């Protein structure tokens, strides 16, 4: 049986690939079960994996929730299972980069919003289509989209369901950069290699401090950082002694 989510490890980078290209990587319950297994493993592999890439096979990242599976009565193991998996991605110790081409609609948009960074191809198309189907968000759209692009832009996307191009996604802060599709994976891998070239101890601390501080105002966030920053990595003195200005 073909795996719905593939994993490849390259130089400390784990690449997770949604593998339903014939269905535009629609997010079926079975796909989420496989994705959760990979994410659970990655959370325990902080010595082996320093960065994670989440991508889709074929011409689209994902067209979103699998409506055919919903109509057929397919269900996740329990309610809010998918929402938990999205949150588990957000909570991974390692930085996660979303690599997006083609469709990235609704549930897929909620999935990439849980990633720390996002690089998209020029073919990328982002949309929240909950309103077209009479659905409401439960995987985090109402919280993460305003945090990413601001309340005004988020409300427009959510209220209208309009499609946002890759170029516009970069302009409004949804994506870190928009590149030609032919260079998308290369650019994503280059960013991941830059990340894993730094201290993984620092990367994990940075992610934890930034993510957790979103729960606070400025003063409370500063106090949280001072209290919870884990301090220097073992061997940091050697890193400092080897530093050279470029």
Foldseek 3Di string as FASTA:
>chain_A
DDQQWDWDDDPQEIEIEGEPVVQLSADALSNLVSLLVVLVVQLVPLVRHAEYEYAYPDQWRHQYHDVVCVVVVGDHPDPCSSLVSLQSLLVRLHAYEYQTGAEQEARSLLSRLSGPAYEYEQRYKYAYCCVVVVHDDDNQLVPSVCVQQNPVVSCVRNVPRHIDGNVVCCVRRVHVYYYHPVCRVVVVVVVSVVRVVDDSLVRSLVSVLVVVLVVDDDVVSVVCCVVPRPDDDVVVVVVVVPDDDD
